Each structure stands twice: as C-alpha cells, then as structure tokens.
Amino acid sequence: MAAYAVGRIKITDLEKFKEYQKGVPATIAKHGGRYVVRGGETTTREGDEETNRIVILEFDTMEALTGWYDSDDYAELKAMRMSASEGQMVFVEGYET
C-alpha cells in the first residue's frame, strides 16, 4: 500500500534550504519515491491560514518511506533541512479501495 510523507515547512535559512533542495530529489528517487506536491501555491479554505511550505512525497510502501527517511543517503540532507527550517513531517498510509 502506498505511503506518504507530508511536510509543513517554515524556511528559516533560505540559502541553506536551497542547497537541501538541490540534493534531496536524487535520494527520494533512489528509494522509489516521487514528489506529489512540492511547495506550490496554497489556498486555505477552512481553518487558520496555511503559511508553511507544503511537500507531499509518495512511496510504494511505508517500509520504503521509512527506509528513505532513515537512510545514510538522506541523513546529511535531513540535518541540513532541520537546521534551515522548522515544521512538521507526518507519515501516513494511503487508502486502498
């Protein structure tokens, strides 16, 4: 079953975050993931105004997603992201009909 990483990110160091953005796509692809949403324009229709950058990644399975997140490939980039931003990362399984 597909699994998704949903990130809500407030960038605090734009230059460092740009470096992160250059390196991360290859690690995602290496682990079988793909971008579904990558920081596009948002419109809040209910609740508090969303001002964070939204990113959604899709992987074939939760194991593939956690494998990417915990991988040596992503470790340095993850530390870079964490030092250049603050926010939330949620993993969620997809819905199977």
C-alpha atoms as a PDB file:
ATOM      1  CA  MET A   1       0.000   0.000   0.000  1.00  0.00           C
ATOM      2  CA  ALA A   2       1.296   3.473  -0.865  1.00  0.00           C
ATOM      3  CA  ALA A   3       2.635   5.678   1.912  1.00  0.00           C
ATOM      4  CA  TYR A   4       3.029   9.430   2.024  1.00  0.00           C
ATOM      5  CA  ALA A   5       5.289  11.895   3.791  1.00  0.00           C
ATOM      6  CA  VAL A   6       3.506  15.196   4.380  1.00  0.00           C
ATOM      7  CA  GLY A   7       5.743  18.071   5.349  1.00  0.00           C
ATOM      8  CA  ARG A   8       4.710  21.521   6.551  1.00  0.00           C
ATOM      9  CA  ILE A   9       7.871  23.585   6.481  1.00  0.00           C
ATOM     10  CA  LYS A  10       8.731  27.131   7.560  1.00  0.00           C
ATOM     11  CA  ILE A  11      12.061  28.056   5.988  1.00  0.00           C
ATOM     12  CA  THR A  12      14.379  29.918   8.353  1.00  0.00           C
ATOM     13  CA  ASP A  13      17.577  29.938   6.235  1.00  0.00           C
ATOM     14  CA  LEU A  14      16.717  30.224   2.540  1.00  0.00           C
ATOM     15  CA  GLU A  15      20.249  29.775   1.179  1.00  0.00           C
ATOM     16  CA  LYS A  16      20.872  26.604   3.168  1.00  0.00           C
ATOM     17  CA  PHE A  17      17.408  25.310   2.249  1.00  0.00           C
ATOM     18  CA  LYS A  18      18.194  25.846  -1.454  1.00  0.00           C
ATOM     19  CA  GLU A  19      21.237  23.590  -1.039  1.00  0.00           C
ATOM     20  CA  TYR A  20      18.993  20.966   0.563  1.00  0.00           C
ATOM     21  CA  GLN A  21      16.583  21.230  -2.372  1.00  0.00           C
ATOM     22  CA  LYS A  22      19.384  20.508  -4.838  1.00  0.00           C
ATOM     23  CA  GLY A  23      20.396  17.254  -3.168  1.00  0.00           C
ATOM     24  CA  VAL A  24      17.196  15.690  -1.900  1.00  0.00           C
ATOM     25  CA  PRO A  25      15.404  14.655  -5.152  1.00  0.00           C
ATOM     26  CA  ALA A  26      18.059  12.055  -6.017  1.00  0.00           C
ATOM     27  CA  THR A  27      17.712  10.416  -2.589  1.00  0.00           C
ATOM     28  CA  ILE A  28      13.931  10.261  -2.912  1.00  0.00           C
ATOM     29  CA  ALA A  29      14.144   8.702  -6.385  1.00  0.00           C
ATOM     30  CA  LYS A  30      16.812   6.229  -5.258  1.00  0.00           C
ATOM     31  CA  HIS A  31      14.373   4.868  -2.677  1.00  0.00           C
ATOM     32  CA  GLY A  32      11.475   4.662  -5.131  1.00  0.00           C
ATOM     33  CA  GLY A  33       9.704   7.846  -4.060  1.00  0.00           C
ATOM     34  CA  ARG A  34       8.303  10.745  -6.014  1.00  0.00           C
ATOM     35  CA  TYR A  35       7.036  14.233  -5.345  1.00  0.00           C
ATOM     36  CA  VAL A  36       3.256  14.666  -5.391  1.00  0.00           C
ATOM     37  CA  VAL A  37       3.384  18.269  -4.119  1.00  0.00           C
ATOM     38  CA  ARG A  38       6.496  20.403  -3.892  1.00  0.00           C
ATOM     39  CA  GLY A  39       5.766  23.804  -2.435  1.00  0.00           C
ATOM     40  CA  GLY A  40       3.120  25.017  -4.876  1.00  0.00           C
ATOM     41  CA  GLU A  41       0.682  27.844  -4.283  1.00  0.00           C
ATOM     42  CA  THR A  42      -1.808  27.177  -1.488  1.00  0.00           C
ATOM     43  CA  THR A  43      -5.290  28.448  -0.729  1.00  0.00           C
ATOM     44  CA  THR A  44      -6.703  27.897   2.748  1.00  0.00           C
ATOM     45  CA  ARG A  45     -10.407  27.115   2.564  1.00  0.00           C
ATOM     46  CA  GLU A  46     -11.008  26.171   6.203  1.00  0.00           C
ATOM     47  CA  GLY A  47      -9.193  26.791   9.458  1.00  0.00           C
ATOM     48  CA  ASP A  48      -6.201  29.007  10.134  1.00  0.00           C
ATOM     49  CA  GLU A  49      -4.333  30.405   7.145  1.00  0.00           C
ATOM     50  CA  GLU A  50      -1.607  27.985   6.000  1.00  0.00           C
ATOM     51  CA  THR A  51       1.666  29.856   5.571  1.00  0.00           C
ATOM     52  CA  ASN A  52       4.092  26.932   5.558  1.00  0.00           C
ATOM     53  CA  ARG A  53       5.570  25.275   2.501  1.00  0.00           C
ATOM     54  CA  ILE A  54       3.733  22.002   1.818  1.00  0.00           C
ATOM     55  CA  VAL A  55       5.544  18.954   0.457  1.00  0.00           C
ATOM     56  CA  ILE A  56       3.983  15.538  -0.161  1.00  0.00           C
ATOM     57  CA  LEU A  57       6.068  12.525  -1.153  1.00  0.00           C
ATOM     58  CA  GLU A  58       4.703   9.161  -2.266  1.00  0.00           C
ATOM     59  CA  PHE A  59       6.427   5.806  -1.828  1.00  0.00           C
ATOM     60  CA  ASP A  60       5.146   2.341  -2.718  1.00  0.00           C
ATOM     61  CA  THR A  61       5.139   1.216   0.916  1.00  0.00           C
ATOM     62  CA  MET A  62       5.657   2.551   4.425  1.00  0.00           C
ATOM     63  CA  GLU A  63       8.829   0.446   4.573  1.00  0.00           C
ATOM     64  CA  ALA A  64      10.216   2.249   1.504  1.00  0.00           C
ATOM     65  CA  LEU A  65       9.307   5.631   3.003  1.00  0.00           C
ATOM     66  CA  THR A  66      10.898   4.931   6.372  1.00  0.00           C
ATOM     67  CA  GLY A  67      13.850   3.348   4.578  1.00  0.00           C
ATOM     68  CA  TRP A  68      14.456   6.618   2.726  1.00  0.00           C
ATOM     69  CA  TYR A  69      13.941   8.800   5.813  1.00  0.00           C
ATOM     70  CA  ASP A  70      16.325   6.727   7.948  1.00  0.00           C
ATOM     71  CA  SER A  71      18.886   6.124   5.176  1.00  0.00           C
ATOM     72  CA  ASP A  72      22.501   7.194   5.090  1.00  0.00           C
ATOM     73  CA  ASP A  73      21.634   8.800   1.726  1.00  0.00           C
ATOM     74  CA  TYR A  74      19.292  11.262   3.428  1.00  0.00           C
ATOM     75  CA  ALA A  75      20.956  11.716   6.828  1.00  0.00           C
ATOM     76  CA  GLU A  76      23.162  14.706   5.994  1.00  0.00           C
ATOM     77  CA  LEU A  77      20.429  16.385   3.962  1.00  0.00           C
ATOM     78  CA  LYS A  78      17.879  15.808   6.733  1.00  0.00           C
ATOM     79  CA  ALA A  79      20.213  17.541   9.196  1.00  0.00           C
ATOM     80  CA  MET A  80      20.604  20.404   6.711  1.00  0.00           C
ATOM     81  CA  ARG A  81      16.808  20.726   6.356  1.00  0.00           C
ATOM     82  CA  MET A  82      16.334  20.689  10.102  1.00  0.00           C
ATOM     83  CA  SER A  83      18.897  23.457  10.563  1.00  0.00           C
ATOM     84  CA  ALA A  84      17.373  25.570   7.769  1.00  0.00           C
ATOM     85  CA  SER A  85      13.704  25.173   8.666  1.00  0.00           C
ATOM     86  CA  GLU A  86      11.178  24.192  11.276  1.00  0.00           C
ATOM     87  CA  GLY A  87       7.929  22.389  10.838  1.00  0.00           C
ATOM     88  CA  GLN A  88       6.212  19.047  10.837  1.00  0.00           C
ATOM     89  CA  MET A  89       6.707  15.763   8.944  1.00  0.00           C
ATOM     90  CA  VAL A  90       3.919  13.187   9.081  1.00  0.00           C
ATOM     91  CA  PHE A  91       3.913   9.707   7.532  1.00  0.00           C
ATOM     92  CA  VAL A  92       0.534   8.311   6.517  1.00  0.00           C
ATOM     93  CA  GLU A  93      -0.547   5.150   4.731  1.00  0.00           C
ATOM     94  CA  GLY A  94      -2.622   5.548   1.606  1.00  0.00           C
ATOM     95  CA  TYR A  95      -6.194   4.408   1.248  1.00  0.00           C
ATOM     96  CA  GLU A  96      -6.820   1.158  -0.524  1.00  0.00           C
ATOM     97  CA  THR A  97     -10.230   0.679  -2.113  1.00  0.00           C
END
